[in-house]
Amino acid sequence: MDLRDVSSNPHRHPWELSRADSLLKLVEALNIKGTVLDIGCGDGYFDTRLVSSISEIEKIWGLDINFKENFNEGNISFVSDLVDLPEGKFDAIFMLDVLEHIEDDFGYLRDIKSRLSPQGKLVLTVPAFNRIFSKHDRAAKHFRRYSLSQILNLFKHSGFKVQEASYFYASLLPIRIATLNRPPKVNEWKYAEKSIITTLVRNILNFDFCICRTLSAFGIRLKGLSLFVVAEL
């Protein structure tokens, strides 16, 4: 969850819960271990899930410019500035819905390339399709959304090799299109994480992610509200 939303709404949207569920399964398959960096980590929800689910991950560094001070939680260190990160390279870097907030996305990818180990993985998610860029995106301080071809081209010219890329959350795309002109509301979910409604939506989105990824592996690319990319050097 974005740190700006923590105090205004304690309930996580099932989109965030499902994204973590789905990416954790992906990370397990990638056999990621060692020291990882999560850029734009928000309140650290994904990091706490990551460290509790995958014992091979020894250390997580969570970076978010909205932290008022640096602090530690077990083997997770949260910092607000790149200069507070340790020297050396990371075995994996996560950027979950972050790149769209960065004006010079190409330059930023080139910069973080130097922090990834030779066998490391970059795992990234972004919102899809600039054609549905809306008031919601402006309220969230997005510069853009991405098509699959755009993100693949960006990674190619940034010096990364894309291992896997796919749209996901196809079920949410028509909903977003239908509500493009609605006034933006940030983190408006009002149901608790364990509620029946949240659980139902979360499970539907988990199934959606799985279907989109499976079909993509066979060359069938469903259009979705978001994109994920797994890349390496």
Foldseek 3Di string as FASTA:
>chain_A
DAQVCCVVAVADFLVVVLVLVQVLVVVVVVVQAEEEEEEQCHPVPSVVVNCVSDVRHQAYEYEDLPDPQWDDDVRYTYDHDPVPDDDAAGQEYEYEQNLQLDPCSLVVLLVNLVRHDQNHKYKYKHFADQVLDALQCVVVNGNGGYHPVRVCVSQVVSPKAWPDKAAFALVCVVVSVVCRPPHHDPPPDHDHCPDPVSVVVSVVRNVRRVVQRVVVVVVRGRHHRMMMIMIHD
